[in-house]
Amino acid sequence: MGEYEHSTTVTTGPDALFAYLSDVGNLPHYFSAMKSAEPADGDAVHTVADVGGREVEGEAWFTTDADARSIRWGSEGPNHYSGELRVEGADDGSRVTVTLHTEHADGPGIDRGLEDTLNQIRTNVQANG
């Protein structure tokens, strides 16, 4: 099983950043493969994603802990995909860290995807103040 972790700093306060990231409707704005995400019953989320050039619909779970400013998610499937996102205060705003757990073997591709996600988060949040 692979574990991948990347972090970045965002010049936005941790509470505002966490509020943006914990809104399921914002997932497609910062996860490039995600085409749509809609809350379902409980912690379930109905998703549509672009996986290798094809559209895949599915169910995932998405939980938030506002006190810890953390989000956990995952989905069923052959890669045992799950992750965690944490937001912490930093001198110049916030530090956001994404950790991904998967049996998928494309390490360089996963690293690029996490870096792209963090760059998109920084771009979106800093552009909107």
N, C-alpha and C. Protein backbone atom coordinates (compact mmCIF):
# COMPACT_ATOMS: atom_id res chain seq x y z
N MET A 1 0.85 -1.18 0.00
CA MET A 1 0.00 0.00 0.00
C MET A 1 0.89 1.23 0.00
N GLY A 2 0.57 2.20 -0.84
CA GLY A 2 1.33 3.43 -0.88
C GLY A 2 0.70 4.51 -0.03
N GLU A 3 1.55 5.31 0.57
CA GLU A 3 1.09 6.48 1.32
C GLU A 3 1.85 7.67 0.77
N TYR A 4 1.12 8.70 0.43
CA TYR A 4 1.68 9.90 -0.19
C TYR A 4 1.23 11.11 0.62
N GLU A 5 2.14 12.05 0.84
CA GLU A 5 1.78 13.24 1.62
C GLU A 5 2.46 14.46 1.03
N HIS A 6 1.69 15.52 0.87
CA HIS A 6 2.20 16.81 0.39
C HIS A 6 1.53 17.92 1.18
N SER A 7 2.27 19.04 1.34
CA SER A 7 1.75 20.21 2.07
C SER A 7 2.06 21.47 1.30
N THR A 8 1.31 22.52 1.63
CA THR A 8 1.60 23.84 1.10
C THR A 8 1.06 24.87 2.08
N THR A 9 1.52 26.10 1.92
CA THR A 9 1.05 27.21 2.74
C THR A 9 0.12 28.08 1.90
N VAL A 10 -0.95 28.55 2.53
CA VAL A 10 -1.94 29.39 1.88
C VAL A 10 -2.10 30.65 2.72
N THR A 11 -2.13 31.81 2.07
CA THR A 11 -2.22 33.07 2.81
C THR A 11 -3.67 33.41 3.14
N THR A 12 -4.34 32.46 3.78
CA THR A 12 -5.72 32.61 4.23
C THR A 12 -5.79 31.99 5.63
N GLY A 13 -6.61 32.54 6.50
CA GLY A 13 -6.74 32.00 7.84
C GLY A 13 -7.24 30.56 7.84
N PRO A 14 -6.86 29.79 8.85
CA PRO A 14 -7.22 28.37 8.87
C PRO A 14 -8.72 28.10 8.93
N ASP A 15 -9.50 28.92 9.62
CA ASP A 15 -10.94 28.68 9.69
C ASP A 15 -11.61 28.89 8.34
N ALA A 16 -11.23 29.95 7.63
CA ALA A 16 -11.79 30.21 6.31
C ALA A 16 -11.37 29.13 5.32
N LEU A 17 -10.13 28.71 5.39
CA LEU A 17 -9.64 27.67 4.49
C LEU A 17 -10.39 26.35 4.75
N PHE A 18 -10.53 25.99 6.02
CA PHE A 18 -11.23 24.75 6.35
C PHE A 18 -12.70 24.81 5.90
N ALA A 19 -13.34 25.96 6.07
CA ALA A 19 -14.73 26.10 5.64
C ALA A 19 -14.86 25.84 4.14
N TYR A 20 -13.93 26.37 3.35
CA TYR A 20 -13.95 26.15 1.90
C TYR A 20 -13.73 24.67 1.56
N LEU A 21 -12.71 24.07 2.17
CA LEU A 21 -12.35 22.69 1.85
C LEU A 21 -13.37 21.68 2.33
N SER A 22 -14.06 21.96 3.41
CA SER A 22 -15.01 20.99 3.97
C SER A 22 -16.38 21.04 3.31
N ASP A 23 -16.60 21.96 2.39
CA ASP A 23 -17.85 22.04 1.64
C ASP A 23 -17.78 21.06 0.47
N VAL A 24 -18.55 19.97 0.53
CA VAL A 24 -18.53 18.94 -0.50
C VAL A 24 -18.69 19.54 -1.90
N GLY A 25 -19.52 20.55 -2.03
CA GLY A 25 -19.75 21.17 -3.33
C GLY A 25 -18.51 21.80 -3.94
N ASN A 26 -17.50 22.10 -3.12
CA ASN A 26 -16.26 22.69 -3.64
C ASN A 26 -15.25 21.65 -4.13
N LEU A 27 -15.47 20.37 -3.86
CA LEU A 27 -14.51 19.35 -4.27
C LEU A 27 -14.11 19.44 -5.75
N PRO A 28 -15.06 19.58 -6.68
CA PRO A 28 -14.65 19.66 -8.09
C PRO A 28 -13.82 20.91 -8.42
N HIS A 29 -13.83 21.90 -7.54
CA HIS A 29 -13.05 23.11 -7.79
C HIS A 29 -11.58 22.94 -7.46
N TYR A 30 -11.25 21.94 -6.63
CA TYR A 30 -9.83 21.76 -6.32
C TYR A 30 -9.28 20.37 -6.60
N PHE A 31 -10.13 19.35 -6.81
CA PHE A 31 -9.67 18.05 -7.29
C PHE A 31 -9.97 17.98 -8.77
N SER A 32 -8.94 18.07 -9.60
CA SER A 32 -9.13 18.21 -11.04
C SER A 32 -9.88 17.04 -11.67
N ALA A 33 -9.74 15.83 -11.18
CA ALA A 33 -10.43 14.68 -11.77
C ALA A 33 -11.91 14.65 -11.40
N MET A 34 -12.29 15.34 -10.34
CA MET A 34 -13.66 15.33 -9.85
C MET A 34 -14.52 16.25 -10.71
N LYS A 35 -15.55 15.69 -11.30
CA LYS A 35 -16.45 16.48 -12.15
C LYS A 35 -17.67 16.97 -11.37
N SER A 36 -18.13 16.17 -10.40
CA SER A 36 -19.22 16.62 -9.53
C SER A 36 -19.18 15.82 -8.23
N ALA A 37 -19.69 16.44 -7.18
CA ALA A 37 -19.78 15.80 -5.87
C ALA A 37 -21.01 16.36 -5.17
N GLU A 38 -21.90 15.46 -4.77
CA GLU A 38 -23.14 15.88 -4.11
C GLU A 38 -23.35 15.06 -2.85
N PRO A 39 -23.68 15.74 -1.74
CA PRO A 39 -23.94 15.00 -0.50
C PRO A 39 -25.10 14.02 -0.68
N ALA A 40 -24.98 12.87 -0.05
CA ALA A 40 -26.06 11.88 -0.03
C ALA A 40 -26.39 11.62 1.45
N ASP A 41 -26.91 10.48 1.77
CA ASP A 41 -27.28 10.17 3.16
C ASP A 41 -26.06 10.04 4.04
N GLY A 42 -26.14 10.58 5.26
CA GLY A 42 -25.05 10.47 6.23
C GLY A 42 -23.76 11.07 5.72
N ASP A 43 -22.69 10.28 5.75
CA ASP A 43 -21.38 10.73 5.28
C ASP A 43 -21.14 10.41 3.81
N ALA A 44 -22.15 9.87 3.13
CA ALA A 44 -22.00 9.46 1.73
C ALA A 44 -21.98 10.67 0.81
N VAL A 45 -21.22 10.52 -0.27
CA VAL A 45 -21.14 11.54 -1.31
C VAL A 45 -21.24 10.83 -2.65
N HIS A 46 -22.12 11.32 -3.52
CA HIS A 46 -22.21 10.80 -4.88
C HIS A 46 -21.22 11.58 -5.74
N THR A 47 -20.33 10.87 -6.43
CA THR A 47 -19.29 11.53 -7.20
C THR A 47 -19.32 11.11 -8.67
N VAL A 48 -18.83 12.01 -9.50
CA VAL A 48 -18.54 11.71 -10.89
C VAL A 48 -17.12 12.21 -11.12
N ALA A 49 -16.27 11.32 -11.62
CA ALA A 49 -14.86 11.68 -11.82
C ALA A 49 -14.38 11.21 -13.18
N ASP A 50 -13.35 11.87 -13.66
CA ASP A 50 -12.67 11.47 -14.89
C ASP A 50 -11.51 10.57 -14.47
N VAL A 51 -11.62 9.29 -14.78
CA VAL A 51 -10.59 8.33 -14.42
C VAL A 51 -10.00 7.76 -15.70
N GLY A 52 -8.79 8.19 -16.02
CA GLY A 52 -8.14 7.68 -17.22
C GLY A 52 -8.88 7.99 -18.50
N GLY A 53 -9.56 9.15 -18.54
CA GLY A 53 -10.27 9.55 -19.75
C GLY A 53 -11.69 9.03 -19.85
N ARG A 54 -12.16 8.34 -18.83
CA ARG A 54 -13.56 7.90 -18.84
C ARG A 54 -14.28 8.39 -17.59
N GLU A 55 -15.55 8.68 -17.75
CA GLU A 55 -16.36 9.19 -16.64
C GLU A 55 -16.82 8.03 -15.76
N VAL A 56 -16.54 8.15 -14.46
CA VAL A 56 -16.89 7.10 -13.51
C VAL A 56 -17.75 7.70 -12.41
N GLU A 57 -18.93 7.10 -12.20
CA GLU A 57 -19.82 7.51 -11.11
C GLU A 57 -19.64 6.57 -9.95
N GLY A 58 -19.76 7.10 -8.74
CA GLY A 58 -19.62 6.23 -7.59
C GLY A 58 -20.06 6.89 -6.31
N GLU A 59 -19.96 6.12 -5.26
CA GLU A 59 -20.25 6.59 -3.91
C GLU A 59 -18.94 6.61 -3.12
N ALA A 60 -18.78 7.65 -2.34
CA ALA A 60 -17.62 7.78 -1.47
C ALA A 60 -18.13 8.21 -0.11
N TRP A 61 -17.22 8.25 0.85
CA TRP A 61 -17.57 8.80 2.16
C TRP A 61 -16.67 10.00 2.41
N PHE A 62 -17.19 10.96 3.18
CA PHE A 62 -16.52 12.23 3.41
C PHE A 62 -16.92 12.70 4.80
N THR A 63 -15.97 12.74 5.72
CA THR A 63 -16.26 13.18 7.09
C THR A 63 -15.38 14.36 7.45
N THR A 64 -15.92 15.24 8.26
CA THR A 64 -15.16 16.41 8.69
C THR A 64 -15.13 16.47 10.21
N ASP A 65 -14.04 17.04 10.71
CA ASP A 65 -13.90 17.31 12.14
C ASP A 65 -13.47 18.77 12.25
N ALA A 66 -14.44 19.65 12.49
CA ALA A 66 -14.16 21.09 12.52
C ALA A 66 -13.18 21.46 13.63
N ASP A 67 -13.28 20.79 14.78
CA ASP A 67 -12.37 21.12 15.89
C ASP A 67 -10.92 20.82 15.53
N ALA A 68 -10.70 19.73 14.84
CA ALA A 68 -9.33 19.36 14.43
C ALA A 68 -8.97 19.92 13.05
N ARG A 69 -9.95 20.56 12.41
CA ARG A 69 -9.79 21.04 11.03
C ARG A 69 -9.22 19.94 10.14
N SER A 70 -9.92 18.81 10.15
CA SER A 70 -9.49 17.69 9.32
C SER A 70 -10.67 17.11 8.56
N ILE A 71 -10.36 16.55 7.41
CA ILE A 71 -11.34 15.90 6.54
C ILE A 71 -10.78 14.53 6.20
N ARG A 72 -11.63 13.53 6.23
CA ARG A 72 -11.24 12.18 5.81
C ARG A 72 -12.22 11.75 4.73
N TRP A 73 -11.72 11.00 3.76
CA TRP A 73 -12.57 10.51 2.69
C TRP A 73 -12.05 9.18 2.19
N GLY A 74 -12.88 8.52 1.41
CA GLY A 74 -12.47 7.27 0.81
C GLY A 74 -13.57 6.73 -0.07
N SER A 75 -13.23 5.67 -0.80
CA SER A 75 -14.20 5.01 -1.66
C SER A 75 -13.86 3.54 -1.75
N GLU A 76 -14.88 2.76 -2.06
CA GLU A 76 -14.69 1.33 -2.25
C GLU A 76 -14.01 1.11 -3.60
N GLY A 77 -13.38 -0.01 -3.73
CA GLY A 77 -12.78 -0.34 -5.01
C GLY A 77 -11.48 -1.09 -4.85
N PRO A 78 -10.88 -1.47 -5.94
CA PRO A 78 -9.69 -2.31 -5.90
C PRO A 78 -8.45 -1.63 -5.33
N ASN A 79 -8.41 -0.30 -5.30
CA ASN A 79 -7.21 0.39 -4.84
C ASN A 79 -7.25 0.78 -3.37
N HIS A 80 -8.35 0.48 -2.68
CA HIS A 80 -8.48 0.82 -1.25
C HIS A 80 -8.05 2.27 -1.01
N TYR A 81 -8.73 3.15 -1.70
CA TYR A 81 -8.40 4.58 -1.74
C TYR A 81 -9.01 5.31 -0.55
N SER A 82 -8.18 6.05 0.19
CA SER A 82 -8.68 6.92 1.25
C SER A 82 -7.66 8.03 1.48
N GLY A 83 -8.09 9.07 2.17
CA GLY A 83 -7.17 10.17 2.41
C GLY A 83 -7.60 11.03 3.57
N GLU A 84 -6.72 11.94 3.89
CA GLU A 84 -6.98 12.90 4.96
C GLU A 84 -6.39 14.24 4.55
N LEU A 85 -7.10 15.29 4.91
CA LEU A 85 -6.63 16.65 4.68
C LEU A 85 -6.67 17.37 6.02
N ARG A 86 -5.58 18.04 6.37
CA ARG A 86 -5.51 18.75 7.65
C ARG A 86 -5.14 20.21 7.38
N VAL A 87 -5.77 21.11 8.12
CA VAL A 87 -5.47 22.54 8.04
C VAL A 87 -4.95 22.99 9.40
N GLU A 88 -3.81 23.67 9.40
CA GLU A 88 -3.22 24.19 10.63
C GLU A 88 -2.87 25.66 10.42
N GLY A 89 -2.90 26.42 11.50
CA GLY A 89 -2.48 27.80 11.43
C GLY A 89 -0.98 27.88 11.16
N ALA A 90 -0.57 28.91 10.43
CA ALA A 90 0.85 29.14 10.14
C ALA A 90 1.10 30.63 10.24
N ASP A 91 2.36 31.03 10.39
CA ASP A 91 2.70 32.45 10.53
C ASP A 91 2.13 33.29 9.41
N ASP A 92 2.13 32.76 8.19
CA ASP A 92 1.68 33.54 7.05
C ASP A 92 0.30 33.11 6.54
N GLY A 93 -0.50 32.46 7.37
CA GLY A 93 -1.84 32.05 6.98
C GLY A 93 -2.17 30.67 7.49
N SER A 94 -2.11 29.67 6.60
CA SER A 94 -2.46 28.30 6.95
C SER A 94 -1.52 27.33 6.25
N ARG A 95 -1.39 26.18 6.84
CA ARG A 95 -0.69 25.07 6.21
C ARG A 95 -1.70 23.97 5.98
N VAL A 96 -1.81 23.50 4.75
CA VAL A 96 -2.73 22.42 4.41
C VAL A 96 -1.89 21.22 3.97
N THR A 97 -2.22 20.07 4.55
CA THR A 97 -1.50 18.82 4.25
C THR A 97 -2.50 17.79 3.78
N VAL A 98 -2.19 17.14 2.66
CA VAL A 98 -3.03 16.08 2.12
C VAL A 98 -2.24 14.78 2.18
N THR A 99 -2.85 13.76 2.74
CA THR A 99 -2.26 12.43 2.79
C THR A 99 -3.20 11.48 2.05
N LEU A 100 -2.63 10.66 1.19
CA LEU A 100 -3.42 9.72 0.40
C LEU A 100 -2.90 8.31 0.64
N HIS A 101 -3.82 7.37 0.85
CA HIS A 101 -3.49 5.96 1.03
C HIS A 101 -4.14 5.20 -0.12
N THR A 102 -3.34 4.44 -0.86
CA THR A 102 -3.87 3.69 -1.99
C THR A 102 -2.96 2.53 -2.33
N GLU A 103 -3.52 1.52 -2.98
CA GLU A 103 -2.71 0.42 -3.48
C GLU A 103 -2.33 0.67 -4.94
N HIS A 104 -2.78 1.79 -5.49
CA HIS A 104 -2.43 2.17 -6.86
C HIS A 104 -0.93 2.40 -6.92
N ALA A 105 -0.27 1.91 -7.95
CA ALA A 105 1.20 1.89 -7.99
C ALA A 105 1.85 3.08 -8.70
N ASP A 106 1.10 4.02 -9.23
CA ASP A 106 1.68 5.13 -9.99
C ASP A 106 2.13 6.25 -9.08
N GLY A 107 3.23 6.03 -8.34
CA GLY A 107 3.73 7.03 -7.39
C GLY A 107 3.95 8.40 -7.98
N PRO A 108 4.70 8.53 -9.09
CA PRO A 108 4.92 9.87 -9.66
C PRO A 108 3.61 10.55 -10.09
N GLY A 109 2.68 9.79 -10.63
CA GLY A 109 1.39 10.36 -11.03
C GLY A 109 0.58 10.82 -9.84
N ILE A 110 0.61 10.05 -8.76
CA ILE A 110 -0.10 10.43 -7.54
C ILE A 110 0.53 11.67 -6.93
N ASP A 111 1.85 11.71 -6.89
CA ASP A 111 2.54 12.90 -6.37
C ASP A 111 2.16 14.14 -7.17
N ARG A 112 2.14 14.03 -8.50
CA ARG A 112 1.74 15.17 -9.35
C ARG A 112 0.31 15.59 -9.06
N GLY A 113 -0.59 14.60 -8.89
CA GLY A 113 -1.98 14.90 -8.60
C GLY A 113 -2.15 15.64 -7.29
N LEU A 114 -1.42 15.22 -6.26
CA LEU A 114 -1.49 15.92 -4.97
C LEU A 114 -0.93 17.33 -5.07
N GLU A 115 0.18 17.48 -5.78
CA GLU A 115 0.75 18.83 -5.97
C GLU A 115 -0.22 19.72 -6.73
N ASP A 116 -0.85 19.17 -7.78
CA ASP A 116 -1.83 19.95 -8.55
C ASP A 116 -3.02 20.35 -7.68
N THR A 117 -3.48 19.44 -6.84
CA THR A 117 -4.60 19.73 -5.94
C THR A 117 -4.24 20.87 -4.99
N LEU A 118 -3.07 20.79 -4.38
CA LEU A 118 -2.64 21.85 -3.45
C LEU A 118 -2.46 23.18 -4.16
N ASN A 119 -1.92 23.16 -5.35
CA ASN A 119 -1.77 24.40 -6.13
C ASN A 119 -3.13 24.99 -6.45
N GLN A 120 -4.11 24.14 -6.80
CA GLN A 120 -5.45 24.63 -7.11
C GLN A 120 -6.12 25.21 -5.88
N ILE A 121 -5.94 24.56 -4.73
CA ILE A 121 -6.49 25.08 -3.48
C ILE A 121 -5.92 26.47 -3.21
N ARG A 122 -4.60 26.60 -3.29
CA ARG A 122 -3.95 27.89 -3.05
C ARG A 122 -4.47 28.95 -4.01
N THR A 123 -4.54 28.61 -5.30
CA THR A 123 -5.02 29.56 -6.31
C THR A 123 -6.45 30.00 -6.04
N ASN A 124 -7.34 29.04 -5.78
CA ASN A 124 -8.76 29.36 -5.56
C ASN A 124 -8.96 30.22 -4.32
N VAL A 125 -8.34 29.84 -3.22
CA VAL A 125 -8.59 30.52 -1.96
C VAL A 125 -7.95 31.90 -1.95
N GLN A 126 -6.74 32.01 -2.43
CA GLN A 126 -6.05 33.31 -2.42
C GLN A 126 -6.69 34.28 -3.41
N ALA A 127 -7.25 33.77 -4.51
CA ALA A 127 -7.90 34.64 -5.48
C ALA A 127 -9.20 35.22 -4.93
N ASN A 128 -9.83 34.47 -4.03
CA ASN A 128 -11.10 34.93 -3.46
C ASN A 128 -10.96 35.56 -2.09
N GLY A 129 -9.72 35.82 -1.68
CA GLY A 129 -9.48 36.49 -0.40
C GLY A 129 -9.70 35.57 0.74
